[in-house]
Amino acid sequence: MKSNKYKPSKFVNFSESEF
């Protein structure tokens, strides 16, 4: 799940790491 919609740096790293 790559969320390109939201790009706050913290959430980007978290999202890509988790999913």
C-alpha atoms as a PDB file:
ATOM      1  CA  MET A   1       0.000   0.000   0.000  1.00  0.00           C
ATOM      2  CA  LYS A   2       1.787   3.092  -1.219  1.00  0.00           C
ATOM      3  CA  SER A   3      -0.106   6.176  -0.126  1.00  0.00           C
ATOM      4  CA  ASN A   4       0.998   8.875  -2.518  1.00  0.00           C
ATOM      5  CA  LYS A   5      -1.886  11.063  -1.400  1.00  0.00           C
ATOM      6  CA  TYR A   6      -0.451  11.733   1.958  1.00  0.00           C
ATOM      7  CA  LYS A   7       3.126  12.771   2.085  1.00  0.00           C
ATOM      8  CA  PRO A   8       4.073  13.926   5.504  1.00  0.00           C
ATOM      9  CA  SER A   9       7.592  12.531   5.902  1.00  0.00           C
ATOM     10  CA  LYS A  10       6.800  10.550   9.040  1.00  0.00           C
ATOM     11  CA  PHE A  11       3.808   8.782   7.569  1.00  0.00           C
ATOM     12  CA  VAL A  12       5.611   8.046   4.318  1.00  0.00           C
ATOM     13  CA  ASN A  13       8.383   6.208   6.147  1.00  0.00           C
ATOM     14  CA  PHE A  14       5.946   4.446   8.429  1.00  0.00           C
ATOM     15  CA  SER A  15       3.588   3.402   5.635  1.00  0.00           C
ATOM     16  CA  GLU A  16       6.287   2.034   3.367  1.00  0.00           C
ATOM     17  CA  SER A  17       7.981   0.203   6.217  1.00  0.00           C
ATOM     18  CA  GLU A  18       4.785  -1.371   7.527  1.00  0.00           C
ATOM     19  CA  PHE A  19       3.105  -2.082   4.209  1.00  0.00           C
END
